[in-house]
Every structure is written in C-alpha cells, then in structure tokens.
Amino acid sequence: MPRRNRHRTRRAEPPGPPVVGWQQPESAPDGEWLVRRIPGDRSTKQYRCPGCDHEIRPGTAHVVVWPADDTGGVADRRHWHESCWQTRHRRRPTSRYW
C-alpha cells in the first residue's frame, strides 16, 4: 500500500530574540541588557558575582551582562551566575562585609 505524503501544516512559532554577534539582547523591568553566555570550558578566570557576592570559579558556566545602550562599555560588563542573573529582580543588591 503506498504512503500518503501529506504536507502537514505546522504552527508558526514566534521568532526568538535576534542574536547580535555573540550576545543576545534581553529586556526586563530593570532595563535593556546584552547577555553573553560563557560555557564552562571557556571560563578561565575567577570573577565575583554581583548577585550573590560569591566567586565564579574557572570552569563554571556563567553569563556576562552589560547595558544595551551606547553608554555600556568594557568597564560596565559584569559576570553573573546564570541563576543569580535570572532571579535578580527578587534580590537586593549585595554589600560586601569583608
């Protein structure tokens, strides 16, 4: 018995956010941001997460975030744990005690 080759109509999924180079734009109540995801095998330095004030050790996947407007430069980039970045709206800014 021959197969019926029917074209099934698929629902068109909305396109995701446009990718600009390696970074992706994100918009949130706290502003417009450019976010770059760093895989663990590409992370070679130690950073301090501004969300939890803990270290991001080499080999740990994380995100680099900076303002999307033209005023954001290299000095404005911050390295965050992925989970800290996603929950930043529920946290208060950390203050270092040491």
Protein backbone atom coordinates (compact mmCIF):
# COMPACT_ATOMS: atom_id res chain seq x y z
CA MET A 1 0.00 0.00 0.00
CA PRO A 2 1.53 3.35 -0.97
CA ARG A 3 2.31 6.01 1.57
CA ARG A 4 0.38 9.19 1.61
CA ASN A 5 2.69 12.12 1.63
CA ARG A 6 0.66 14.88 3.09
CA HIS A 7 2.05 18.23 3.93
CA ARG A 8 1.15 18.86 7.50
CA THR A 9 0.70 22.45 8.42
CA ARG A 10 2.80 23.47 11.37
CA ARG A 11 2.05 26.32 13.64
CA ALA A 12 4.42 29.14 13.04
CA GLU A 13 6.45 29.67 16.19
CA PRO A 14 7.25 33.26 17.05
CA PRO A 15 10.85 34.09 16.30
CA GLY A 16 13.18 34.34 19.28
CA PRO A 17 15.13 37.47 20.12
CA PRO A 18 17.55 38.47 17.42
CA VAL A 19 21.13 37.47 18.06
CA VAL A 20 23.65 40.26 17.68
CA GLY A 21 27.08 38.71 17.33
CA TRP A 22 27.63 36.50 20.36
CA GLN A 23 25.37 38.42 22.69
CA GLN A 24 21.61 38.35 22.94
CA PRO A 25 19.51 41.37 23.84
CA GLU A 26 17.26 40.98 26.87
CA SER A 27 14.69 43.40 28.10
CA ALA A 28 13.47 43.47 31.68
CA PRO A 29 11.90 45.94 34.12
CA ASP A 30 15.42 46.97 35.16
CA GLY A 31 16.43 47.94 31.63
CA GLU A 32 17.78 46.69 28.33
CA TRP A 33 20.77 44.35 28.53
CA LEU A 34 23.13 42.44 26.29
CA VAL A 35 23.83 38.96 27.65
CA ARG A 36 26.59 36.61 26.57
CA ARG A 37 26.59 33.03 27.84
CA ILE A 38 30.01 31.62 28.69
CA PRO A 39 30.29 27.81 28.73
CA GLY A 40 32.34 26.22 31.49
CA ASP A 41 35.14 25.10 29.20
CA ARG A 42 35.66 28.73 28.05
CA SER A 43 35.73 30.21 31.54
CA THR A 44 39.38 30.61 32.55
CA LYS A 45 39.35 33.41 35.13
CA GLN A 46 37.83 33.91 38.53
CA TYR A 47 35.08 36.52 38.90
CA ARG A 48 32.76 37.70 41.67
CA CYS A 49 29.01 37.53 41.01
CA PRO A 50 27.26 40.82 41.89
CA GLY A 51 24.03 38.92 42.65
CA CYS A 52 25.28 36.65 45.44
CA ASP A 53 28.78 38.09 46.03
CA HIS A 54 30.28 34.60 45.68
CA GLU A 55 33.11 33.63 43.41
CA ILE A 56 32.59 32.30 39.91
CA ARG A 57 35.46 29.85 39.66
CA PRO A 58 37.26 28.95 36.44
CA GLY A 59 35.42 26.21 34.59
CA THR A 60 31.98 27.38 35.77
CA ALA A 61 29.39 28.34 33.15
CA HIS A 62 28.04 31.86 33.67
CA VAL A 63 26.76 34.95 31.85
CA VAL A 64 28.38 38.29 31.07
CA VAL A 65 25.96 41.23 31.11
CA TRP A 66 26.25 44.89 30.17
CA PRO A 67 23.81 47.72 29.34
CA ALA A 68 22.42 47.63 25.80
CA ASP A 69 22.60 51.37 25.29
CA ASP A 70 25.64 53.03 23.79
CA THR A 71 26.98 54.07 27.19
CA GLY A 72 27.81 50.47 28.19
CA GLY A 73 31.46 49.65 27.66
CA VAL A 74 34.02 47.10 28.80
CA ALA A 75 34.09 48.61 32.29
CA ASP A 76 30.32 48.06 32.61
CA ARG A 77 30.42 44.30 31.98
CA ARG A 78 29.55 42.07 34.93
CA HIS A 79 29.91 38.31 35.28
CA TRP A 80 26.89 36.64 36.92
CA HIS A 81 25.92 33.10 37.81
CA GLU A 82 23.12 32.15 35.42
CA SER A 83 20.69 31.57 38.30
CA CYS A 84 21.60 34.85 40.01
CA TRP A 85 21.01 36.76 36.77
CA GLN A 86 17.61 35.12 36.27
CA THR A 87 16.49 35.91 39.85
CA ARG A 88 18.00 39.40 40.18
CA HIS A 89 14.56 41.04 40.40
CA ARG A 90 13.87 39.13 43.66
CA ARG A 91 17.15 40.11 45.33
CA ARG A 92 18.52 43.23 46.86
CA PRO A 93 21.98 44.42 45.93
CA THR A 94 24.64 42.68 47.96
CA SER A 95 27.08 44.56 50.12
CA ARG A 96 30.47 43.12 50.87
CA TYR A 97 31.21 42.67 54.55
CA TRP A 98 34.89 41.87 54.22
